[in-house]
Amino acid sequence: MNSRSGLSARTRKNWLINASVFLGGIVAVLSGIYFLFVPSGGYQGGWNALYGLTIIFERSTWDDFHTWGGVAMIVAVALHVATHWDWIVMMVERSLSALGSKDSHMSKGAKVNLVVDAFIAVSFVLTAISGIYFLFAPTGGFQGGQNVGWDPGFLFSRTTWDLIHTWAGVVLIVAAVVHFAIHWRWIKNVTTRFFQIRRRLTEVQQVTGVS
């Protein structure tokens, strides 16, 4: 137990990583909602007038939010997986063993959590891979044939990649909300302790003048 924070170093690290995933996800989701409802495909010579619709921010700003929020989320998830890799391997082995056994002792709650985590993992991978495609694919619409590289046709058409990114993202959001609800008690308790203790430390430092 760390005397300065009242939380173990492992718990604090897990909270910070999870908070980074959450913040990156919030930015990516909010900007993703903009692109979900605003037309895509470029201005199309003026036929797609709503392409550049401004809602609080311009389309280019929403694009930057979505791109870098997504990148931040991918990095944070990579850290999360690396930190919990041994636990992930152990749980996968236990789950496969339990599913293959008639005398499984896995609780209903554990099974639900396993299914939710599986949905999160698959949908995140699909969302991340399709997002990386759009990160490097040319932007700006087809431009009446002038932007010939707009659809490079890598494995799938640009439209298919867009559908994968959109609906994998929707599944990821739903699964993440369920995951958040399942672990709400841990999130609430650790977050409350994290900020309460940091506030107390700040107050003590102000009184004593010690940083």
N, C-alpha and C. Protein backbone atom coordinates (compact mmCIF):
# COMPACT_ATOMS: atom_id res chain seq x y z
N MET A 1 0.84 -1.20 0.00
CA MET A 1 0.00 0.00 0.00
C MET A 1 0.87 1.24 0.00
N ASN A 2 0.58 2.19 -0.85
CA ASN A 2 1.35 3.42 -0.94
C ASN A 2 0.81 4.42 0.06
N SER A 3 1.65 4.88 1.01
CA SER A 3 1.18 5.76 2.07
C SER A 3 0.81 7.14 1.57
N ARG A 4 1.37 7.55 0.44
CA ARG A 4 1.07 8.88 -0.06
C ARG A 4 -0.29 8.94 -0.74
N SER A 5 -0.72 7.87 -1.34
CA SER A 5 -1.99 7.89 -2.09
C SER A 5 -3.07 7.07 -1.44
N GLY A 6 -2.70 6.11 -0.54
CA GLY A 6 -3.71 5.25 0.05
C GLY A 6 -4.16 4.16 -0.89
N LEU A 7 -3.60 4.11 -2.09
CA LEU A 7 -3.90 3.07 -3.07
C LEU A 7 -2.58 2.42 -3.47
N SER A 8 -2.64 1.13 -3.79
CA SER A 8 -1.43 0.46 -4.23
C SER A 8 -0.97 1.05 -5.57
N ALA A 9 0.31 0.92 -5.83
CA ALA A 9 0.86 1.44 -7.09
C ALA A 9 0.18 0.77 -8.28
N ARG A 10 -0.13 -0.51 -8.15
CA ARG A 10 -0.79 -1.24 -9.23
C ARG A 10 -2.19 -0.69 -9.49
N THR A 11 -2.93 -0.42 -8.41
CA THR A 11 -4.29 0.11 -8.56
C THR A 11 -4.27 1.50 -9.18
N ARG A 12 -3.33 2.34 -8.73
CA ARG A 12 -3.23 3.69 -9.30
C ARG A 12 -2.87 3.63 -10.79
N LYS A 13 -1.94 2.72 -11.13
CA LYS A 13 -1.56 2.58 -12.54
C LYS A 13 -2.74 2.10 -13.38
N ASN A 14 -3.50 1.12 -12.87
CA ASN A 14 -4.67 0.62 -13.59
C ASN A 14 -5.70 1.72 -13.77
N TRP A 15 -5.89 2.53 -12.72
CA TRP A 15 -6.89 3.61 -12.81
C TRP A 15 -6.48 4.63 -13.86
N LEU A 16 -5.20 5.01 -13.88
CA LEU A 16 -4.72 6.00 -14.84
C LEU A 16 -4.83 5.49 -16.27
N ILE A 17 -4.51 4.22 -16.48
CA ILE A 17 -4.63 3.64 -17.82
C ILE A 17 -6.09 3.59 -18.24
N ASN A 18 -6.96 3.13 -17.34
CA ASN A 18 -8.40 3.06 -17.64
C ASN A 18 -8.97 4.44 -17.91
N ALA A 19 -8.51 5.44 -17.14
CA ALA A 19 -8.98 6.81 -17.34
C ALA A 19 -8.55 7.32 -18.72
N SER A 20 -7.34 6.95 -19.15
CA SER A 20 -6.87 7.35 -20.48
C SER A 20 -7.70 6.70 -21.58
N VAL A 21 -8.02 5.42 -21.40
CA VAL A 21 -8.90 4.73 -22.36
C VAL A 21 -10.26 5.42 -22.42
N PHE A 22 -10.80 5.76 -21.24
CA PHE A 22 -12.11 6.39 -21.16
C PHE A 22 -12.12 7.76 -21.85
N LEU A 23 -11.12 8.60 -21.55
CA LEU A 23 -11.08 9.94 -22.13
C LEU A 23 -10.88 9.90 -23.64
N GLY A 24 -9.96 9.03 -24.09
CA GLY A 24 -9.77 8.87 -25.53
C GLY A 24 -11.03 8.36 -26.20
N GLY A 25 -11.72 7.43 -25.53
CA GLY A 25 -12.97 6.88 -26.06
C GLY A 25 -14.06 7.92 -26.14
N ILE A 26 -14.18 8.77 -25.11
CA ILE A 26 -15.21 9.82 -25.11
C ILE A 26 -15.01 10.77 -26.28
N VAL A 27 -13.76 11.20 -26.50
CA VAL A 27 -13.47 12.10 -27.62
C VAL A 27 -13.78 11.43 -28.96
N ALA A 28 -13.37 10.16 -29.10
CA ALA A 28 -13.62 9.43 -30.34
C ALA A 28 -15.11 9.20 -30.57
N VAL A 29 -15.85 8.91 -29.50
CA VAL A 29 -17.29 8.64 -29.63
C VAL A 29 -18.04 9.91 -30.00
N LEU A 30 -17.80 11.00 -29.29
CA LEU A 30 -18.52 12.25 -29.56
C LEU A 30 -18.26 12.75 -30.98
N SER A 31 -17.00 12.68 -31.41
CA SER A 31 -16.68 13.09 -32.78
C SER A 31 -17.23 12.08 -33.78
N GLY A 32 -17.27 10.80 -33.39
CA GLY A 32 -17.83 9.78 -34.27
C GLY A 32 -19.32 9.98 -34.51
N ILE A 33 -20.03 10.46 -33.49
CA ILE A 33 -21.46 10.74 -33.64
C ILE A 33 -21.67 11.83 -34.69
N TYR A 34 -20.79 12.82 -34.70
CA TYR A 34 -20.86 13.88 -35.73
C TYR A 34 -20.79 13.26 -37.12
N PHE A 35 -19.79 12.39 -37.34
CA PHE A 35 -19.62 11.79 -38.66
C PHE A 35 -20.69 10.76 -38.99
N LEU A 36 -21.35 10.22 -37.94
CA LEU A 36 -22.41 9.25 -38.17
C LEU A 36 -23.62 9.90 -38.83
N PHE A 37 -23.86 11.17 -38.51
CA PHE A 37 -25.06 11.84 -39.01
C PHE A 37 -24.79 12.88 -40.10
N VAL A 38 -23.56 13.35 -40.20
CA VAL A 38 -23.23 14.34 -41.24
C VAL A 38 -22.77 13.61 -42.49
N PRO A 39 -23.27 14.00 -43.68
CA PRO A 39 -22.92 13.29 -44.92
C PRO A 39 -21.43 13.23 -45.16
N SER A 40 -21.00 12.17 -45.83
CA SER A 40 -19.59 12.00 -46.19
C SER A 40 -19.47 12.01 -47.70
N GLY A 41 -18.25 11.77 -48.19
CA GLY A 41 -18.06 11.66 -49.64
C GLY A 41 -17.61 12.92 -50.32
N GLY A 42 -17.23 13.96 -49.56
CA GLY A 42 -16.77 15.20 -50.17
C GLY A 42 -17.93 16.08 -50.61
N TYR A 43 -17.59 17.26 -51.15
CA TYR A 43 -18.63 18.22 -51.57
C TYR A 43 -19.34 17.80 -52.84
N GLN A 44 -18.70 16.92 -53.63
CA GLN A 44 -19.30 16.39 -54.86
C GLN A 44 -19.75 17.52 -55.79
N GLY A 45 -18.83 18.47 -55.97
CA GLY A 45 -19.13 19.58 -56.88
C GLY A 45 -20.28 20.45 -56.43
N GLY A 46 -20.57 20.46 -55.13
CA GLY A 46 -21.64 21.30 -54.61
C GLY A 46 -22.93 20.54 -54.32
N TRP A 47 -23.01 19.29 -54.76
CA TRP A 47 -24.22 18.49 -54.54
C TRP A 47 -24.35 18.04 -53.08
N ASN A 48 -23.23 17.94 -52.40
CA ASN A 48 -23.25 17.48 -51.00
C ASN A 48 -22.96 18.69 -50.09
N ALA A 49 -23.94 19.59 -50.04
CA ALA A 49 -23.73 20.87 -49.36
C ALA A 49 -23.52 20.74 -47.85
N LEU A 50 -24.06 19.67 -47.26
CA LEU A 50 -23.95 19.48 -45.80
C LEU A 50 -22.63 18.83 -45.39
N TYR A 51 -21.77 18.55 -46.37
CA TYR A 51 -20.50 17.87 -46.06
C TYR A 51 -19.68 18.66 -45.04
N GLY A 52 -19.67 19.98 -45.15
CA GLY A 52 -18.88 20.82 -44.26
C GLY A 52 -19.70 21.46 -43.15
N LEU A 53 -20.82 20.83 -42.77
CA LEU A 53 -21.70 21.39 -41.75
C LEU A 53 -20.94 21.63 -40.44
N THR A 54 -21.11 22.85 -39.89
CA THR A 54 -20.44 23.20 -38.64
C THR A 54 -21.40 23.01 -37.47
N ILE A 55 -21.03 22.13 -36.56
CA ILE A 55 -21.77 21.92 -35.31
C ILE A 55 -20.76 22.12 -34.17
N ILE A 56 -20.77 23.31 -33.60
CA ILE A 56 -19.78 23.73 -32.59
C ILE A 56 -18.41 23.92 -33.23
N PHE A 57 -17.89 22.87 -33.88
CA PHE A 57 -16.60 22.96 -34.56
C PHE A 57 -16.78 22.66 -36.04
N GLU A 58 -15.77 23.03 -36.84
CA GLU A 58 -15.79 22.69 -38.26
C GLU A 58 -15.50 21.21 -38.45
N ARG A 59 -15.81 20.70 -39.63
CA ARG A 59 -15.62 19.28 -39.92
C ARG A 59 -14.16 18.86 -39.72
N SER A 60 -13.22 19.70 -40.15
CA SER A 60 -11.80 19.36 -40.02
C SER A 60 -11.40 19.22 -38.56
N THR A 61 -11.99 20.05 -37.68
CA THR A 61 -11.68 19.96 -36.25
C THR A 61 -12.25 18.68 -35.66
N TRP A 62 -13.49 18.33 -36.05
CA TRP A 62 -14.07 17.07 -35.59
C TRP A 62 -13.22 15.89 -36.08
N ASP A 63 -12.70 16.01 -37.29
CA ASP A 63 -11.86 14.96 -37.84
C ASP A 63 -10.59 14.79 -37.00
N ASP A 64 -9.99 15.92 -36.61
CA ASP A 64 -8.79 15.86 -35.76
C ASP A 64 -9.12 15.23 -34.40
N PHE A 65 -10.26 15.63 -33.82
CA PHE A 65 -10.68 15.04 -32.54
C PHE A 65 -10.82 13.53 -32.67
N HIS A 66 -11.49 13.11 -33.74
CA HIS A 66 -11.75 11.67 -33.92
C HIS A 66 -10.45 10.90 -34.15
N THR A 67 -9.59 11.46 -34.96
CA THR A 67 -8.33 10.79 -35.28
C THR A 67 -7.45 10.64 -34.04
N TRP A 68 -7.19 11.74 -33.36
CA TRP A 68 -6.22 11.70 -32.26
C TRP A 68 -6.84 11.15 -30.98
N GLY A 69 -8.16 11.29 -30.82
CA GLY A 69 -8.82 10.61 -29.71
C GLY A 69 -8.74 9.10 -29.89
N GLY A 70 -8.91 8.66 -31.15
CA GLY A 70 -8.80 7.23 -31.45
C GLY A 70 -7.39 6.72 -31.26
N VAL A 71 -6.40 7.50 -31.70
CA VAL A 71 -5.00 7.10 -31.53
C VAL A 71 -4.66 6.99 -30.05
N ALA A 72 -5.10 7.98 -29.26
CA ALA A 72 -4.84 7.96 -27.82
C ALA A 72 -5.48 6.73 -27.17
N MET A 73 -6.69 6.39 -27.63
CA MET A 73 -7.38 5.23 -27.09
C MET A 73 -6.64 3.94 -27.44
N ILE A 74 -6.15 3.84 -28.67
CA ILE A 74 -5.42 2.64 -29.09
C ILE A 74 -4.15 2.46 -28.26
N VAL A 75 -3.43 3.56 -28.04
CA VAL A 75 -2.20 3.50 -27.23
C VAL A 75 -2.52 3.08 -25.80
N ALA A 76 -3.59 3.68 -25.23
CA ALA A 76 -3.97 3.34 -23.85
C ALA A 76 -4.42 1.89 -23.74
N VAL A 77 -5.15 1.41 -24.73
CA VAL A 77 -5.59 0.01 -24.70
C VAL A 77 -4.39 -0.93 -24.84
N ALA A 78 -3.42 -0.54 -25.66
CA ALA A 78 -2.20 -1.36 -25.79
C ALA A 78 -1.49 -1.46 -24.45
N LEU A 79 -1.41 -0.36 -23.71
CA LEU A 79 -0.81 -0.37 -22.37
C LEU A 79 -1.64 -1.24 -21.42
N HIS A 80 -2.96 -1.13 -21.55
CA HIS A 80 -3.86 -1.91 -20.70
C HIS A 80 -3.64 -3.41 -20.94
N VAL A 81 -3.56 -3.80 -22.20
CA VAL A 81 -3.36 -5.22 -22.54
C VAL A 81 -1.99 -5.69 -22.06
N ALA A 82 -0.96 -4.86 -22.27
CA ALA A 82 0.39 -5.24 -21.84
C ALA A 82 0.46 -5.41 -20.33
N THR A 83 -0.22 -4.52 -19.61
CA THR A 83 -0.21 -4.56 -18.15
C THR A 83 -0.93 -5.80 -17.61
N HIS A 84 -2.00 -6.18 -18.29
CA HIS A 84 -2.82 -7.29 -17.81
C HIS A 84 -2.63 -8.57 -18.63
N TRP A 85 -1.52 -8.66 -19.39
CA TRP A 85 -1.36 -9.77 -20.32
C TRP A 85 -1.41 -11.14 -19.63
N ASP A 86 -0.69 -11.28 -18.53
CA ASP A 86 -0.69 -12.57 -17.82
C ASP A 86 -2.10 -12.94 -17.36
N TRP A 87 -2.84 -11.95 -16.85
CA TRP A 87 -4.21 -12.19 -16.40
C TRP A 87 -5.10 -12.56 -17.58
N ILE A 88 -4.92 -11.88 -18.72
CA ILE A 88 -5.72 -12.16 -19.91
C ILE A 88 -5.49 -13.59 -20.38
N VAL A 89 -4.23 -14.00 -20.45
CA VAL A 89 -3.89 -15.38 -20.88
C VAL A 89 -4.51 -16.39 -19.92
N MET A 90 -4.39 -16.11 -18.61
CA MET A 90 -4.94 -17.02 -17.61
C MET A 90 -6.46 -17.15 -17.75
N MET A 91 -7.14 -16.02 -17.94
CA MET A 91 -8.60 -16.03 -18.05
C MET A 91 -9.06 -16.71 -19.33
N VAL A 92 -8.33 -16.50 -20.42
CA VAL A 92 -8.69 -17.17 -21.68
C VAL A 92 -8.56 -18.68 -21.52
N GLU A 93 -7.46 -19.12 -20.91
CA GLU A 93 -7.26 -20.57 -20.69
C GLU A 93 -8.33 -21.14 -19.78
N ARG A 94 -8.65 -20.43 -18.69
CA ARG A 94 -9.69 -20.89 -17.77
C ARG A 94 -11.05 -20.93 -18.44
N SER A 95 -11.32 -19.91 -19.26
CA SER A 95 -12.63 -19.82 -19.93
C SER A 95 -12.79 -20.93 -20.95
N LEU A 96 -11.75 -21.19 -21.74
CA LEU A 96 -11.81 -22.26 -22.73
C LEU A 96 -11.96 -23.61 -22.04
N SER A 97 -11.27 -23.77 -20.92
CA SER A 97 -11.37 -25.03 -20.16
C SER A 97 -12.78 -25.21 -19.60
N ALA A 98 -13.36 -24.11 -19.10
CA ALA A 98 -14.69 -24.16 -18.51
C ALA A 98 -15.76 -24.42 -19.58
N LEU A 99 -15.58 -23.78 -20.74
CA LEU A 99 -16.57 -23.96 -21.82
C LEU A 99 -16.53 -25.38 -22.37
N GLY A 100 -15.34 -26.00 -22.29
CA GLY A 100 -15.22 -27.36 -22.80
C GLY A 100 -15.55 -28.43 -21.78
N SER A 101 -15.92 -28.00 -20.59
CA SER A 101 -16.22 -28.96 -19.52
C SER A 101 -17.71 -28.91 -19.17
N LYS A 102 -18.28 -30.09 -18.94
CA LYS A 102 -19.69 -30.15 -18.55
C LYS A 102 -19.88 -29.71 -17.09
N ASP A 103 -18.84 -29.85 -16.31
CA ASP A 103 -18.92 -29.48 -14.89
C ASP A 103 -18.28 -28.12 -14.64
N SER A 104 -18.71 -27.15 -15.43
CA SER A 104 -18.14 -25.81 -15.31
C SER A 104 -18.63 -25.13 -14.03
N HIS A 105 -17.69 -24.54 -13.28
CA HIS A 105 -18.03 -23.84 -12.05
C HIS A 105 -18.06 -22.32 -12.26
N MET A 106 -18.03 -21.89 -13.52
CA MET A 106 -18.04 -20.47 -13.82
C MET A 106 -19.44 -19.90 -13.53
N SER A 107 -19.48 -18.82 -12.77
CA SER A 107 -20.77 -18.22 -12.40
C SER A 107 -21.41 -17.53 -13.60
N LYS A 108 -22.70 -17.26 -13.47
CA LYS A 108 -23.42 -16.57 -14.55
C LYS A 108 -22.83 -15.19 -14.79
N GLY A 109 -22.50 -14.50 -13.69
CA GLY A 109 -21.92 -13.17 -13.82
C GLY A 109 -20.58 -13.22 -14.55
N ALA A 110 -19.77 -14.23 -14.26
CA ALA A 110 -18.47 -14.37 -14.92
C ALA A 110 -18.64 -14.64 -16.41
N LYS A 111 -19.66 -15.44 -16.75
CA LYS A 111 -19.92 -15.74 -18.16
C LYS A 111 -20.37 -14.49 -18.90
N VAL A 112 -21.25 -13.70 -18.27
CA VAL A 112 -21.70 -12.45 -18.89
C VAL A 112 -20.52 -11.51 -19.12
N ASN A 113 -19.67 -11.40 -18.09
CA ASN A 113 -18.49 -10.54 -18.20
C ASN A 113 -17.56 -11.01 -19.31
N LEU A 114 -17.43 -12.34 -19.45
CA LEU A 114 -16.59 -12.91 -20.50
C LEU A 114 -17.13 -12.57 -21.88
N VAL A 115 -18.44 -12.70 -22.06
CA VAL A 115 -19.06 -12.40 -23.35
C VAL A 115 -18.90 -10.92 -23.69
N VAL A 116 -19.13 -10.06 -22.70
CA VAL A 116 -18.99 -8.61 -22.91
C VAL A 116 -17.55 -8.27 -23.29
N ASP A 117 -16.59 -8.85 -22.58
CA ASP A 117 -15.18 -8.60 -22.88
C ASP A 117 -14.82 -9.08 -24.28
N ALA A 118 -15.40 -10.20 -24.70
CA ALA A 118 -15.15 -10.73 -26.05
C ALA A 118 -15.68 -9.77 -27.11
N PHE A 119 -16.88 -9.24 -26.88
CA PHE A 119 -17.46 -8.26 -27.81
C PHE A 119 -16.58 -7.01 -27.87
N ILE A 120 -16.10 -6.56 -26.71
CA ILE A 120 -15.24 -5.38 -26.67
C ILE A 120 -13.95 -5.63 -27.45
N ALA A 121 -13.34 -6.80 -27.23
CA ALA A 121 -12.07 -7.11 -27.89
C ALA A 121 -12.22 -7.15 -29.40
N VAL A 122 -13.23 -7.90 -29.90
CA VAL A 122 -13.41 -8.05 -31.35
C VAL A 122 -13.80 -6.72 -31.99
N SER A 123 -14.76 -6.02 -31.40
CA SER A 123 -15.21 -4.75 -31.98
C SER A 123 -14.11 -3.69 -31.92
N PHE A 124 -13.30 -3.71 -30.86
CA PHE A 124 -12.20 -2.74 -30.78
C PHE A 124 -11.17 -2.99 -31.87
N VAL A 125 -10.81 -4.26 -32.06
CA VAL A 125 -9.82 -4.60 -33.10
C VAL A 125 -10.32 -4.16 -34.48
N LEU A 126 -11.59 -4.45 -34.78
CA LEU A 126 -12.16 -4.06 -36.07
C LEU A 126 -12.21 -2.54 -36.21
N THR A 127 -12.59 -1.85 -35.15
CA THR A 127 -12.66 -0.40 -35.18
C THR A 127 -11.27 0.20 -35.36
N ALA A 128 -10.30 -0.34 -34.63
CA ALA A 128 -8.93 0.18 -34.70
C ALA A 128 -8.31 -0.06 -36.08
N ILE A 129 -8.47 -1.27 -36.62
CA ILE A 129 -7.88 -1.59 -37.93
C ILE A 129 -8.51 -0.72 -39.02
N SER A 130 -9.84 -0.61 -39.01
CA SER A 130 -10.51 0.22 -40.02
C SER A 130 -10.16 1.70 -39.81
N GLY A 131 -9.96 2.10 -38.55
CA GLY A 131 -9.56 3.48 -38.29
C GLY A 131 -8.17 3.78 -38.82
N ILE A 132 -7.26 2.81 -38.70
CA ILE A 132 -5.90 2.97 -39.24
C ILE A 132 -5.96 3.08 -40.77
N TYR A 133 -6.88 2.33 -41.39
CA TYR A 133 -7.08 2.45 -42.84
C TYR A 133 -7.41 3.89 -43.22
N PHE A 134 -8.37 4.49 -42.51
CA PHE A 134 -8.78 5.86 -42.82
C PHE A 134 -7.71 6.88 -42.42
N LEU A 135 -6.84 6.52 -41.49
CA LEU A 135 -5.77 7.42 -41.08
C LEU A 135 -4.79 7.63 -42.23
N PHE A 136 -4.58 6.59 -43.04
CA PHE A 136 -3.60 6.68 -44.12
C PHE A 136 -4.24 6.82 -45.51
N ALA A 137 -5.53 6.52 -45.63
CA ALA A 137 -6.20 6.64 -46.93
C ALA A 137 -6.41 8.12 -47.26
N PRO A 138 -6.36 8.48 -48.56
CA PRO A 138 -6.57 9.88 -48.96
C PRO A 138 -7.95 10.38 -48.53
N THR A 139 -8.04 11.67 -48.23
CA THR A 139 -9.30 12.28 -47.81
C THR A 139 -9.79 13.26 -48.87
N GLY A 140 -10.92 13.90 -48.62
CA GLY A 140 -11.41 14.95 -49.49
C GLY A 140 -12.45 14.54 -50.51
N GLY A 141 -12.89 13.27 -50.48
CA GLY A 141 -13.92 12.83 -51.41
C GLY A 141 -13.35 12.49 -52.78
N PHE A 142 -14.19 11.98 -53.64
CA PHE A 142 -13.77 11.55 -54.97
C PHE A 142 -13.46 12.73 -55.88
N GLN A 143 -14.07 13.89 -55.61
CA GLN A 143 -13.83 15.15 -56.33
C GLN A 143 -14.06 15.00 -57.83
N GLY A 144 -15.15 14.33 -58.17
CA GLY A 144 -15.51 14.19 -59.58
C GLY A 144 -14.48 13.43 -60.40
N GLY A 145 -13.69 12.58 -59.76
CA GLY A 145 -12.69 11.79 -60.46
C GLY A 145 -11.29 12.33 -60.35
N GLN A 146 -11.14 13.53 -59.79
CA GLN A 146 -9.80 14.14 -59.67
C GLN A 146 -8.98 13.49 -58.55
N ASN A 147 -9.66 12.98 -57.51
CA ASN A 147 -8.97 12.35 -56.40
C ASN A 147 -9.06 10.83 -56.57
N VAL A 148 -8.32 10.32 -57.56
CA VAL A 148 -8.46 8.91 -57.96
C VAL A 148 -8.00 7.95 -56.86
N GLY A 149 -7.15 8.41 -55.94
CA GLY A 149 -6.67 7.53 -54.89
C GLY A 149 -7.58 7.49 -53.68
N TRP A 150 -8.75 8.15 -53.79
CA TRP A 150 -9.66 8.23 -52.64
C TRP A 150 -10.10 6.86 -52.16
N ASP A 151 -10.28 5.92 -53.09
CA ASP A 151 -10.64 4.54 -52.73
C ASP A 151 -9.54 3.61 -53.23
N PRO A 152 -8.51 3.37 -52.38
CA PRO A 152 -7.38 2.53 -52.83
C PRO A 152 -7.73 1.07 -53.02
N GLY A 153 -8.89 0.63 -52.50
CA GLY A 153 -9.31 -0.76 -52.68
C GLY A 153 -8.44 -1.76 -51.94
N PHE A 154 -7.93 -1.36 -50.80
CA PHE A 154 -7.08 -2.26 -50.01
C PHE A 154 -7.94 -3.28 -49.27
N LEU A 155 -7.91 -4.53 -49.69
CA LEU A 155 -8.71 -5.65 -49.18
C LEU A 155 -10.19 -5.46 -49.45
N PHE A 156 -10.75 -4.32 -49.02
CA PHE A 156 -12.16 -4.03 -49.25
C PHE A 156 -12.29 -2.65 -49.89
N SER A 157 -13.50 -2.34 -50.36
CA SER A 157 -13.74 -1.00 -50.87
C SER A 157 -13.80 -0.01 -49.71
N ARG A 158 -13.67 1.27 -50.01
CA ARG A 158 -13.73 2.29 -48.96
C ARG A 158 -15.09 2.24 -48.26
N THR A 159 -16.15 1.98 -49.00
CA THR A 159 -17.48 1.89 -48.41
C THR A 159 -17.56 0.77 -47.39
N THR A 160 -16.97 -0.39 -47.72
CA THR A 160 -16.97 -1.52 -46.78
C THR A 160 -16.19 -1.19 -45.52
N TRP A 161 -15.02 -0.57 -45.69
CA TRP A 161 -14.23 -0.15 -44.52
C TRP A 161 -15.04 0.81 -43.65
N ASP A 162 -15.76 1.69 -44.30
CA ASP A 162 -16.58 2.66 -43.56
C ASP A 162 -17.67 1.95 -42.76
N LEU A 163 -18.32 0.96 -43.37
CA LEU A 163 -19.35 0.19 -42.67
C LEU A 163 -18.76 -0.59 -41.50
N ILE A 164 -17.58 -1.19 -41.72
CA ILE A 164 -16.92 -1.94 -40.63
C ILE A 164 -16.61 -1.00 -39.48
N HIS A 165 -16.04 0.17 -39.80
CA HIS A 165 -15.66 1.13 -38.76
C HIS A 165 -16.89 1.63 -38.00
N THR A 166 -17.94 1.93 -38.75
CA THR A 166 -19.15 2.48 -38.12
C THR A 166 -19.81 1.49 -37.18
N TRP A 167 -20.10 0.30 -37.69
CA TRP A 167 -20.89 -0.64 -36.89
C TRP A 167 -20.07 -1.37 -35.84
N ALA A 168 -18.79 -1.58 -36.10
CA ALA A 168 -17.92 -2.11 -35.04
C ALA A 168 -17.81 -1.08 -33.92
N GLY A 169 -17.77 0.20 -34.30
CA GLY A 169 -17.74 1.27 -33.30
C GLY A 169 -19.01 1.31 -32.47
N VAL A 170 -20.16 1.11 -33.11
CA VAL A 170 -21.43 1.09 -32.39
C VAL A 170 -21.47 -0.07 -31.39
N VAL A 171 -21.05 -1.26 -31.85
CA VAL A 171 -21.01 -2.43 -30.96
C VAL A 171 -20.05 -2.17 -29.80
N LEU A 172 -18.91 -1.55 -30.10
CA LEU A 172 -17.93 -1.24 -29.06
C LEU A 172 -18.50 -0.31 -28.01
N ILE A 173 -19.24 0.70 -28.44
CA ILE A 173 -19.86 1.65 -27.50
C ILE A 173 -20.84 0.93 -26.58
N VAL A 174 -21.72 0.11 -27.17
CA VAL A 174 -22.73 -0.61 -26.38
C VAL A 174 -22.06 -1.55 -25.39
N ALA A 175 -21.07 -2.32 -25.87
CA ALA A 175 -20.37 -3.27 -24.99
C ALA A 175 -19.60 -2.54 -23.90
N ALA A 176 -19.02 -1.39 -24.24
CA ALA A 176 -18.25 -0.63 -23.24
C ALA A 176 -19.17 -0.08 -22.15
N VAL A 177 -20.38 0.34 -22.55
CA VAL A 177 -21.36 0.84 -21.55
C VAL A 177 -21.74 -0.29 -20.59
N VAL A 178 -21.98 -1.50 -21.13
CA VAL A 178 -22.31 -2.65 -20.29
C VAL A 178 -21.13 -2.98 -19.38
N HIS A 179 -19.92 -2.97 -19.93
CA HIS A 179 -18.70 -3.23 -19.15
C HIS A 179 -18.57 -2.20 -18.02
N PHE A 180 -18.83 -0.95 -18.35
CA PHE A 180 -18.77 0.13 -17.36
C PHE A 180 -19.77 -0.12 -16.24
N ALA A 181 -20.98 -0.56 -16.61
CA ALA A 181 -22.02 -0.82 -15.61
C ALA A 181 -21.64 -2.00 -14.70
N ILE A 182 -21.06 -3.04 -15.29
CA ILE A 182 -20.67 -4.22 -14.52
C ILE A 182 -19.62 -3.86 -13.47
N HIS A 183 -18.69 -3.00 -13.87
CA HIS A 183 -17.57 -2.66 -12.98
C HIS A 183 -17.76 -1.31 -12.29
N TRP A 184 -18.99 -0.81 -12.26
CA TRP A 184 -19.26 0.52 -11.72
C TRP A 184 -18.79 0.67 -10.28
N ARG A 185 -18.99 -0.34 -9.45
CA ARG A 185 -18.61 -0.23 -8.03
C ARG A 185 -17.11 -0.01 -7.88
N TRP A 186 -16.31 -0.79 -8.62
CA TRP A 186 -14.86 -0.61 -8.56
C TRP A 186 -14.48 0.78 -9.07
N ILE A 187 -15.07 1.18 -10.18
CA ILE A 187 -14.76 2.49 -10.77
C ILE A 187 -15.10 3.61 -9.80
N LYS A 188 -16.28 3.54 -9.20
CA LYS A 188 -16.70 4.58 -8.27
C LYS A 188 -15.81 4.64 -7.04
N ASN A 189 -15.55 3.48 -6.44
CA ASN A 189 -14.75 3.44 -5.22
C ASN A 189 -13.33 3.93 -5.44
N VAL A 190 -12.67 3.42 -6.47
CA VAL A 190 -11.28 3.79 -6.71
C VAL A 190 -11.17 5.26 -7.14
N THR A 191 -12.10 5.70 -7.99
CA THR A 191 -12.06 7.10 -8.44
C THR A 191 -12.27 8.05 -7.27
N THR A 192 -13.24 7.73 -6.39
CA THR A 192 -13.50 8.56 -5.22
C THR A 192 -12.28 8.63 -4.31
N ARG A 193 -11.69 7.49 -4.03
CA ARG A 193 -10.49 7.45 -3.18
C ARG A 193 -9.33 8.19 -3.82
N PHE A 194 -9.18 8.02 -5.12
CA PHE A 194 -8.07 8.64 -5.85
C PHE A 194 -8.11 10.16 -5.69
N PHE A 195 -9.29 10.76 -5.91
CA PHE A 195 -9.39 12.22 -5.87
C PHE A 195 -9.50 12.76 -4.44
N GLN A 196 -10.15 12.01 -3.56
CA GLN A 196 -10.23 12.46 -2.17
C GLN A 196 -8.84 12.56 -1.55
N ILE A 197 -8.04 11.53 -1.75
CA ILE A 197 -6.72 11.49 -1.14
C ILE A 197 -5.79 12.51 -1.78
N ARG A 198 -5.90 12.70 -3.09
CA ARG A 198 -5.08 13.70 -3.75
C ARG A 198 -5.46 15.10 -3.26
N ARG A 199 -6.75 15.33 -3.01
CA ARG A 199 -7.18 16.62 -2.49
C ARG A 199 -6.63 16.86 -1.09
N ARG A 200 -6.64 15.81 -0.27
CA ARG A 200 -6.10 15.93 1.09
C ARG A 200 -4.60 16.21 1.06
N LEU A 201 -3.89 15.54 0.16
CA LEU A 201 -2.46 15.78 0.03
C LEU A 201 -2.18 17.22 -0.38
N THR A 202 -3.01 17.74 -1.29
CA THR A 202 -2.84 19.13 -1.72
C THR A 202 -3.08 20.09 -0.57
N GLU A 203 -4.12 19.82 0.25
CA GLU A 203 -4.41 20.67 1.39
C GLU A 203 -3.27 20.65 2.41
N VAL A 204 -2.72 19.46 2.66
CA VAL A 204 -1.60 19.34 3.60
C VAL A 204 -0.39 20.10 3.08
N GLN A 205 -0.11 20.00 1.79
CA GLN A 205 1.02 20.69 1.19
C GLN A 205 0.86 22.19 1.27
N GLN A 206 -0.38 22.68 1.11
CA GLN A 206 -0.62 24.11 1.21
C GLN A 206 -0.41 24.62 2.64
N VAL A 207 -0.78 23.80 3.62
CA VAL A 207 -0.64 24.20 5.02
C VAL A 207 0.83 24.15 5.45
N THR A 208 1.51 23.08 5.06
CA THR A 208 2.90 22.88 5.50
C THR A 208 3.92 23.54 4.59
N GLY A 209 3.47 23.83 3.36
CA GLY A 209 4.40 24.41 2.39
C GLY A 209 5.36 23.40 1.80
N VAL A 210 5.03 22.11 1.97
CA VAL A 210 5.85 21.03 1.44
C VAL A 210 5.25 20.55 0.13
N SER A 211 6.07 20.40 -0.90
CA SER A 211 5.57 19.94 -2.20
C SER A 211 5.88 18.47 -2.38
